[in-house]
Amino acid sequence: MAQKTLRQYSTPSRSHIPTGLDNTQGTDGFELKAGLVNMVQASPFCGKATEDANTHLQNFIEALEKQRDVESTEGRRHGAAAFLR
């Protein structure tokens, strides 16, 4: 095996730069929920100087977690109701 020089190790290579979407995660697909789409459209990030990207993302993550909590609570209620029938 040939020895590499330090220059060869430090030279960027296209093979190490990810491009595009990673489609190897699964083939099951996903479902976009209307509530999530509405939440994203209600508070768009425009990139203005007065907007803080970190605050915008934090608010989005908090809203998403609240939605997941509501969905999991509804799922537990539905499962309990089916069990009691």
PDB file of N, CA and C in Angstrom:
ATOM      1  N   MET A   1       0.837  -1.165   0.000  1.00  0.00           N
ATOM      2  CA  MET A   1       0.000   0.000   0.000  1.00  0.00           C
ATOM      3  C   MET A   1       0.894   1.244   0.000  1.00  0.00           C
ATOM      4  N   ALA A   2       0.573   2.177  -0.838  1.00  0.00           N
ATOM      5  CA  ALA A   2       1.392   3.387  -0.976  1.00  0.00           C
ATOM      6  C   ALA A   2       1.178   4.317   0.209  1.00  0.00           C
ATOM      7  N   GLN A   3       2.242   4.957   0.622  1.00  0.00           N
ATOM      8  CA  GLN A   3       2.172   5.923   1.711  1.00  0.00           C
ATOM      9  C   GLN A   3       1.616   7.243   1.173  1.00  0.00           C
ATOM     10  N   LYS A   4       0.726   7.875   1.943  1.00  0.00           N
ATOM     11  CA  LYS A   4       0.194   9.179   1.554  1.00  0.00           C
ATOM     12  C   LYS A   4       0.972  10.274   2.266  1.00  0.00           C
ATOM     13  N   THR A   5       1.107  11.380   1.577  1.00  0.00           N
ATOM     14  CA  THR A   5       1.765  12.525   2.189  1.00  0.00           C
ATOM     15  C   THR A   5       0.730  13.334   2.971  1.00  0.00           C
ATOM     16  N   LEU A   6       1.213  14.231   3.802  1.00  0.00           N
ATOM     17  CA  LEU A   6       0.322  15.082   4.576  1.00  0.00           C
ATOM     18  C   LEU A   6      -0.542  15.933   3.650  1.00  0.00           C
ATOM     19  N   ARG A   7       0.029  16.381   2.547  1.00  0.00           N
ATOM     20  CA  ARG A   7      -0.714  17.176   1.578  1.00  0.00           C
ATOM     21  C   ARG A   7      -1.896  16.373   1.013  1.00  0.00           C
ATOM     22  N   GLN A   8      -1.698  15.110   0.726  1.00  0.00           N
ATOM     23  CA  GLN A   8      -2.774  14.277   0.188  1.00  0.00           C
ATOM     24  C   GLN A   8      -3.893  14.087   1.208  1.00  0.00           C
ATOM     25  N   TYR A   9      -3.539  13.979   2.476  1.00  0.00           N
ATOM     26  CA  TYR A   9      -4.566  13.853   3.515  1.00  0.00           C
ATOM     27  C   TYR A   9      -5.348  15.158   3.710  1.00  0.00           C
ATOM     28  N   SER A  10      -4.682  16.296   3.512  1.00  0.00           N
ATOM     29  CA  SER A  10      -5.331  17.575   3.772  1.00  0.00           C
ATOM     30  C   SER A  10      -6.083  18.121   2.564  1.00  0.00           C
ATOM     31  N   THR A  11      -5.909  17.526   1.396  1.00  0.00           N
ATOM     32  CA  THR A  11      -6.602  17.989   0.201  1.00  0.00           C
ATOM     33  C   THR A  11      -8.054  17.506   0.238  1.00  0.00           C
ATOM     34  N   PRO A  12      -8.998  18.441   0.082  1.00  0.00           N
ATOM     35  CA  PRO A  12     -10.407  18.028   0.092  1.00  0.00           C
ATOM     36  C   PRO A  12     -10.720  17.078  -1.067  1.00  0.00           C
ATOM     37  N   SER A  13     -11.632  16.196  -0.802  1.00  0.00           N
ATOM     38  CA  SER A  13     -12.039  15.240  -1.816  1.00  0.00           C
ATOM     39  C   SER A  13     -13.556  15.256  -1.942  1.00  0.00           C
ATOM     40  N   ARG A  14     -14.057  15.177  -3.136  1.00  0.00           N
ATOM     41  CA  ARG A  14     -15.513  15.182  -3.334  1.00  0.00           C
ATOM     42  C   ARG A  14     -16.185  13.946  -2.729  1.00  0.00           C
ATOM     43  N   SER A  15     -15.452  12.890  -2.575  1.00  0.00           N
ATOM     44  CA  SER A  15     -16.048  11.669  -2.042  1.00  0.00           C
ATOM     45  C   SER A  15     -16.404  11.798  -0.561  1.00  0.00           C
ATOM     46  N   HIS A  16     -15.867  12.794   0.130  1.00  0.00           N
ATOM     47  CA  HIS A  16     -16.141  12.980   1.545  1.00  0.00           C
ATOM     48  C   HIS A  16     -17.204  14.038   1.810  1.00  0.00           C
ATOM     49  N   ILE A  17     -17.732  14.651   0.755  1.00  0.00           N
ATOM     50  CA  ILE A  17     -18.721  15.715   0.914  1.00  0.00           C
ATOM     51  C   ILE A  17     -20.089  15.165   0.539  1.00  0.00           C
ATOM     52  N   PRO A  18     -21.020  15.101   1.518  1.00  0.00           N
ATOM     53  CA  PRO A  18     -22.353  14.599   1.192  1.00  0.00           C
ATOM     54  C   PRO A  18     -23.112  15.609   0.318  1.00  0.00           C
ATOM     55  N   THR A  19     -23.759  15.098  -0.697  1.00  0.00           N
ATOM     56  CA  THR A  19     -24.579  15.949  -1.559  1.00  0.00           C
ATOM     57  C   THR A  19     -25.942  15.308  -1.714  1.00  0.00           C
ATOM     58  N   GLY A  20     -26.964  16.124  -1.723  1.00  0.00           N
ATOM     59  CA  GLY A  20     -28.315  15.621  -1.924  1.00  0.00           C
ATOM     60  C   GLY A  20     -28.860  14.927  -0.691  1.00  0.00           C
ATOM     61  N   LEU A  21     -30.012  14.321  -0.868  1.00  0.00           N
ATOM     62  CA  LEU A  21     -30.684  13.627   0.220  1.00  0.00           C
ATOM     63  C   LEU A  21     -30.127  12.224   0.390  1.00  0.00           C
ATOM     64  N   ASP A  22     -30.162  11.741   1.618  1.00  0.00           N
ATOM     65  CA  ASP A  22     -29.733  10.383   1.912  1.00  0.00           C
ATOM     66  C   ASP A  22     -30.955   9.476   1.829  1.00  0.00           C
ATOM     67  N   ASN A  23     -31.073   8.743   0.753  1.00  0.00           N
ATOM     68  CA  ASN A  23     -32.242   7.894   0.530  1.00  0.00           C
ATOM     69  C   ASN A  23     -32.056   6.477   1.058  1.00  0.00           C
ATOM     70  N   THR A  24     -31.013   6.232   1.805  1.00  0.00           N
ATOM     71  CA  THR A  24     -30.746   4.885   2.282  1.00  0.00           C
ATOM     72  C   THR A  24     -31.347   4.628   3.660  1.00  0.00           C
ATOM     73  N   GLN A  25     -32.104   5.573   4.211  1.00  0.00           N
ATOM     74  CA  GLN A  25     -32.627   5.428   5.562  1.00  0.00           C
ATOM     75  C   GLN A  25     -33.828   4.490   5.632  1.00  0.00           C
ATOM     76  N   GLY A  26     -34.505   4.253   4.561  1.00  0.00           N
ATOM     77  CA  GLY A  26     -35.647   3.355   4.581  1.00  0.00           C
ATOM     78  C   GLY A  26     -36.523   3.598   3.379  1.00  0.00           C
ATOM     79  N   THR A  27     -37.372   2.654   3.115  1.00  0.00           N
ATOM     80  CA  THR A  27     -38.243   2.779   1.953  1.00  0.00           C
ATOM     81  C   THR A  27     -39.711   2.818   2.348  1.00  0.00           C
ATOM     82  N   ASP A  28     -39.985   2.970   3.641  1.00  0.00           N
ATOM     83  CA  ASP A  28     -41.363   2.965   4.107  1.00  0.00           C
ATOM     84  C   ASP A  28     -42.097   4.261   3.796  1.00  0.00           C
ATOM     85  N   GLY A  29     -41.376   5.340   3.547  1.00  0.00           N
ATOM     86  CA  GLY A  29     -41.994   6.627   3.302  1.00  0.00           C
ATOM     87  C   GLY A  29     -42.330   7.314   4.613  1.00  0.00           C
ATOM     88  N   PHE A  30     -43.074   8.385   4.522  1.00  0.00           N
ATOM     89  CA  PHE A  30     -43.449   9.123   5.713  1.00  0.00           C
ATOM     90  C   PHE A  30     -44.756   9.842   5.441  1.00  0.00           C
ATOM     91  N   GLU A  31     -45.368  10.313   6.499  1.00  0.00           N
ATOM     92  CA  GLU A  31     -46.646  11.000   6.385  1.00  0.00           C
ATOM     93  C   GLU A  31     -46.480  12.433   6.880  1.00  0.00           C
ATOM     94  N   LEU A  32     -46.896  13.390   6.057  1.00  0.00           N
ATOM     95  CA  LEU A  32     -46.904  14.782   6.489  1.00  0.00           C
ATOM     96  C   LEU A  32     -48.258  15.062   7.120  1.00  0.00           C
ATOM     97  N   LYS A  33     -48.239  15.476   8.350  1.00  0.00           N
ATOM     98  CA  LYS A  33     -49.481  15.774   9.049  1.00  0.00           C
ATOM     99  C   LYS A  33     -49.867  17.217   8.781  1.00  0.00           C
ATOM    100  N   ALA A  34     -51.164  17.463   8.638  1.00  0.00           N
ATOM    101  CA  ALA A  34     -51.666  18.795   8.329  1.00  0.00           C
ATOM    102  C   ALA A  34     -51.291  19.788   9.424  1.00  0.00           C
ATOM    103  N   GLY A  35     -51.311  19.355  10.685  1.00  0.00           N
ATOM    104  CA  GLY A  35     -50.952  20.240  11.785  1.00  0.00           C
ATOM    105  C   GLY A  35     -49.525  20.726  11.694  1.00  0.00           C
ATOM    106  N   LEU A  36     -48.620  19.851  11.290  1.00  0.00           N
ATOM    107  CA  LEU A  36     -47.215  20.220  11.151  1.00  0.00           C
ATOM    108  C   LEU A  36     -47.031  21.210  10.000  1.00  0.00           C
ATOM    109  N   VAL A  37     -47.702  20.959   8.886  1.00  0.00           N
ATOM    110  CA  VAL A  37     -47.601  21.862   7.740  1.00  0.00           C
ATOM    111  C   VAL A  37     -48.154  23.236   8.110  1.00  0.00           C
ATOM    112  N   ASN A  38     -49.288  23.269   8.794  1.00  0.00           N
ATOM    113  CA  ASN A  38     -49.875  24.545   9.218  1.00  0.00           C
ATOM    114  C   ASN A  38     -48.953  25.285  10.179  1.00  0.00           C
ATOM    115  N   MET A  39     -48.321  24.561  11.090  1.00  0.00           N
ATOM    116  CA  MET A  39     -47.415  25.173  12.064  1.00  0.00           C
ATOM    117  C   MET A  39     -46.218  25.805  11.355  1.00  0.00           C
ATOM    118  N   VAL A  40     -45.675  25.136  10.359  1.00  0.00           N
ATOM    119  CA  VAL A  40     -44.527  25.664   9.625  1.00  0.00           C
ATOM    120  C   VAL A  40     -44.934  26.891   8.813  1.00  0.00           C
ATOM    121  N   GLN A  41     -46.110  26.838   8.194  1.00  0.00           N
ATOM    122  CA  GLN A  41     -46.555  27.958   7.384  1.00  0.00           C
ATOM    123  C   GLN A  41     -46.947  29.164   8.236  1.00  0.00           C
ATOM    124  N   ALA A  42     -47.361  28.937   9.471  1.00  0.00           N
ATOM    125  CA  ALA A  42     -47.809  30.033  10.331  1.00  0.00           C
ATOM    126  C   ALA A  42     -46.642  30.897  10.803  1.00  0.00           C
ATOM    127  N   SER A  43     -45.460  30.331  10.885  1.00  0.00           N
ATOM    128  CA  SER A  43     -44.306  31.081  11.400  1.00  0.00           C
ATOM    129  C   SER A  43     -43.093  30.855  10.500  1.00  0.00           C
ATOM    130  N   PRO A  44     -43.097  31.438   9.301  1.00  0.00           N
ATOM    131  CA  PRO A  44     -41.971  31.216   8.393  1.00  0.00           C
ATOM    132  C   PRO A  44     -40.736  32.010   8.815  1.00  0.00           C
ATOM    133  N   PHE A  45     -39.583  31.475   8.501  1.00  0.00           N
ATOM    134  CA  PHE A  45     -38.322  32.178   8.741  1.00  0.00           C
ATOM    135  C   PHE A  45     -37.902  32.818   7.432  1.00  0.00           C
ATOM    136  N   CYS A  46     -37.739  34.132   7.440  1.00  0.00           N
ATOM    137  CA  CYS A  46     -37.426  34.866   6.209  1.00  0.00           C
ATOM    138  C   CYS A  46     -35.957  35.237   6.080  1.00  0.00           C
ATOM    139  N   GLY A  47     -35.191  35.127   7.158  1.00  0.00           N
ATOM    140  CA  GLY A  47     -33.774  35.453   7.100  1.00  0.00           C
ATOM    141  C   GLY A  47     -33.479  36.936   7.237  1.00  0.00           C
ATOM    142  N   LYS A  48     -34.428  37.698   7.749  1.00  0.00           N
ATOM    143  CA  LYS A  48     -34.204  39.132   7.937  1.00  0.00           C
ATOM    144  C   LYS A  48     -33.189  39.356   9.056  1.00  0.00           C
ATOM    145  N   ALA A  49     -32.592  40.525   9.068  1.00  0.00           N
ATOM    146  CA  ALA A  49     -31.583  40.846  10.075  1.00  0.00           C
ATOM    147  C   ALA A  49     -32.171  40.860  11.477  1.00  0.00           C
ATOM    148  N   THR A  50     -33.460  41.122  11.602  1.00  0.00           N
ATOM    149  CA  THR A  50     -34.090  41.181  12.923  1.00  0.00           C
ATOM    150  C   THR A  50     -34.508  39.812  13.438  1.00  0.00           C
ATOM    151  N   GLU A  51     -34.435  38.799  12.604  1.00  0.00           N
ATOM    152  CA  GLU A  51     -34.829  37.446  13.011  1.00  0.00           C
ATOM    153  C   GLU A  51     -33.620  36.669  13.523  1.00  0.00           C
ATOM    154  N   ASP A  52     -33.851  35.876  14.547  1.00  0.00           N
ATOM    155  CA  ASP A  52     -32.794  35.026  15.098  1.00  0.00           C
ATOM    156  C   ASP A  52     -33.112  33.580  14.713  1.00  0.00           C
ATOM    157  N   ALA A  53     -32.243  32.979  13.924  1.00  0.00           N
ATOM    158  CA  ALA A  53     -32.481  31.614  13.440  1.00  0.00           C
ATOM    159  C   ALA A  53     -32.539  30.618  14.594  1.00  0.00           C
ATOM    160  N   ASN A  54     -31.689  30.784  15.593  1.00  0.00           N
ATOM    161  CA  ASN A  54     -31.681  29.861  16.725  1.00  0.00           C
ATOM    162  C   ASN A  54     -32.988  29.917  17.506  1.00  0.00           C
ATOM    163  N   THR A  55     -33.495  31.125  17.745  1.00  0.00           N
ATOM    164  CA  THR A  55     -34.762  31.275  18.447  1.00  0.00           C
ATOM    165  C   THR A  55     -35.897  30.675  17.627  1.00  0.00           C
ATOM    166  N   HIS A  56     -35.874  30.899  16.329  1.00  0.00           N
ATOM    167  CA  HIS A  56     -36.911  30.348  15.449  1.00  0.00           C
ATOM    168  C   HIS A  56     -36.906  28.816  15.510  1.00  0.00           C
ATOM    169  N   LEU A  57     -35.731  28.218  15.429  1.00  0.00           N
ATOM    170  CA  LEU A  57     -35.639  26.756  15.494  1.00  0.00           C
ATOM    171  C   LEU A  57     -36.056  26.222  16.860  1.00  0.00           C
ATOM    172  N   GLN A  58     -35.673  26.918  17.922  1.00  0.00           N
ATOM    173  CA  GLN A  58     -36.054  26.493  19.272  1.00  0.00           C
ATOM    174  C   GLN A  58     -37.569  26.529  19.436  1.00  0.00           C
ATOM    175  N   ASN A  59     -38.209  27.592  18.945  1.00  0.00           N
ATOM    176  CA  ASN A  59     -39.673  27.683  19.011  1.00  0.00           C
ATOM    177  C   ASN A  59     -40.327  26.567  18.203  1.00  0.00           C
ATOM    178  N   PHE A  60     -39.763  26.258  17.042  1.00  0.00           N
ATOM    179  CA  PHE A  60     -40.306  25.190  16.211  1.00  0.00           C
ATOM    180  C   PHE A  60     -40.179  23.835  16.909  1.00  0.00           C
ATOM    181  N   ILE A  61     -39.038  23.577  17.508  1.00  0.00           N
ATOM    182  CA  ILE A  61     -38.818  22.296  18.203  1.00  0.00           C
ATOM    183  C   ILE A  61     -39.771  22.162  19.383  1.00  0.00           C
ATOM    184  N   GLU A  62     -39.965  23.240  20.133  1.00  0.00           N
ATOM    185  CA  GLU A  62     -40.894  23.196  21.262  1.00  0.00           C
ATOM    186  C   GLU A  62     -42.325  22.922  20.794  1.00  0.00           C
ATOM    187  N   ALA A  63     -42.744  23.576  19.716  1.00  0.00           N
ATOM    188  CA  ALA A  63     -44.090  23.350  19.186  1.00  0.00           C
ATOM    189  C   ALA A  63     -44.233  21.922  18.669  1.00  0.00           C
ATOM    190  N   LEU A  64     -43.198  21.404  18.042  1.00  0.00           N
ATOM    191  CA  LEU A  64     -43.225  20.035  17.537  1.00  0.00           C
ATOM    192  C   LEU A  64     -43.323  19.031  18.678  1.00  0.00           C
ATOM    193  N   GLU A  65     -42.579  19.267  19.764  1.00  0.00           N
ATOM    194  CA  GLU A  65     -42.645  18.376  20.921  1.00  0.00           C
ATOM    195  C   GLU A  65     -44.029  18.413  21.565  1.00  0.00           C
ATOM    196  N   LYS A  66     -44.645  19.590  21.632  1.00  0.00           N
ATOM    197  CA  LYS A  66     -46.003  19.689  22.175  1.00  0.00           C
ATOM    198  C   LYS A  66     -46.977  18.886  21.319  1.00  0.00           C
ATOM    199  N   GLN A  67     -46.817  18.977  19.987  1.00  0.00           N
ATOM    200  CA  GLN A  67     -47.695  18.235  19.086  1.00  0.00           C
ATOM    201  C   GLN A  67     -47.499  16.734  19.278  1.00  0.00           C
ATOM    202  N   ARG A  68     -46.270  16.293  19.436  1.00  0.00           N
ATOM    203  CA  ARG A  68     -46.011  14.861  19.657  1.00  0.00           C
ATOM    204  C   ARG A  68     -46.606  14.395  20.976  1.00  0.00           C
ATOM    205  N   ASP A  69     -46.529  15.240  22.013  1.00  0.00           N
ATOM    206  CA  ASP A  69     -47.129  14.893  23.303  1.00  0.00           C
ATOM    207  C   ASP A  69     -48.627  14.722  23.174  1.00  0.00           C
ATOM    208  N   VAL A  70     -49.271  15.624  22.438  1.00  0.00           N
ATOM    209  CA  VAL A  70     -50.721  15.542  22.240  1.00  0.00           C
ATOM    210  C   VAL A  70     -51.070  14.276  21.473  1.00  0.00           C
ATOM    211  N   GLU A  71     -50.310  13.976  20.419  1.00  0.00           N
ATOM    212  CA  GLU A  71     -50.588  12.783  19.623  1.00  0.00           C
ATOM    213  C   GLU A  71     -50.389  11.508  20.430  1.00  0.00           C
ATOM    214  N   SER A  72     -49.354  11.463  21.261  1.00  0.00           N
ATOM    215  CA  SER A  72     -49.125  10.252  22.053  1.00  0.00           C
ATOM    216  C   SER A  72     -50.209  10.097  23.114  1.00  0.00           C
ATOM    217  N   THR A  73     -50.696  11.202  23.675  1.00  0.00           N
ATOM    218  CA  THR A  73     -51.788  11.140  24.648  1.00  0.00           C
ATOM    219  C   THR A  73     -53.061  10.651  23.975  1.00  0.00           C
ATOM    220  N   GLU A  74     -53.335  11.165  22.774  1.00  0.00           N
ATOM    221  CA  GLU A  74     -54.519  10.721  22.041  1.00  0.00           C
ATOM    222  C   GLU A  74     -54.404   9.242  21.689  1.00  0.00           C
ATOM    223  N   GLY A  75     -53.211   8.797  21.331  1.00  0.00           N
ATOM    224  CA  GLY A  75     -53.001   7.385  21.001  1.00  0.00           C
ATOM    225  C   GLY A  75     -53.231   6.496  22.201  1.00  0.00           C
ATOM    226  N   ARG A  76     -52.780   6.935  23.374  1.00  0.00           N
ATOM    227  CA  ARG A  76     -52.998   6.138  24.587  1.00  0.00           C
ATOM    228  C   ARG A  76     -54.489   6.071  24.921  1.00  0.00           C
ATOM    229  N   ARG A  77     -55.191   7.184  24.733  1.00  0.00           N
ATOM    230  CA  ARG A  77     -56.637   7.201  25.007  1.00  0.00           C
ATOM    231  C   ARG A  77     -57.351   6.255  24.047  1.00  0.00           C
ATOM    232  N   HIS A  78     -56.967   6.306  22.782  1.00  0.00           N
ATOM    233  CA  HIS A  78     -57.603   5.442  21.788  1.00  0.00           C
ATOM    234  C   HIS A  78     -57.328   3.979  22.104  1.00  0.00           C
ATOM    235  N   GLY A  79     -56.095   3.664  22.477  1.00  0.00           N
ATOM    236  CA  GLY A  79     -55.739   2.288  22.818  1.00  0.00           C
ATOM    237  C   GLY A  79     -56.486   1.806  24.051  1.00  0.00           C
ATOM    238  N   ALA A  80     -56.627   2.673  25.058  1.00  0.00           N
ATOM    239  CA  ALA A  80     -57.365   2.291  26.279  1.00  0.00           C
ATOM    240  C   ALA A  80     -58.836   2.100  25.974  1.00  0.00           C
ATOM    241  N   ALA A  81     -59.406   2.943  25.116  1.00  0.00           N
ATOM    242  CA  ALA A  81     -60.815   2.819  24.769  1.00  0.00           C
ATOM    243  C   ALA A  81     -61.064   1.519  23.999  1.00  0.00           C
ATOM    244  N   ALA A  82     -60.151   1.154  23.135  1.00  0.00           N
ATOM    245  CA  ALA A  82     -60.304  -0.097  22.387  1.00  0.00           C
ATOM    246  C   ALA A  82     -60.164  -1.300  23.325  1.00  0.00           C
ATOM    247  N   PHE A  83     -59.302  -1.179  24.317  1.00  0.00           N
ATOM    248  CA  PHE A  83     -59.103  -2.259  25.268  1.00  0.00           C
ATOM    249  C   PHE A  83     -60.339  -2.456  26.145  1.00  0.00           C
ATOM    250  N   LEU A  84     -61.017  -1.360  26.483  1.00  0.00           N
ATOM    251  CA  LEU A  84     -62.175  -1.436  27.380  1.00  0.00           C
ATOM    252  C   LEU A  84     -63.451  -1.886  26.658  1.00  0.00           C
ATOM    253  N   ARG A  85     -63.458  -1.924  25.369  1.00  0.00           N
ATOM    254  CA  ARG A  85     -64.668  -2.324  24.614  1.00  0.00           C
ATOM    255  C   ARG A  85     -64.942  -3.787  24.749  1.00  0.00           C
TER     256      ARG A  85
END
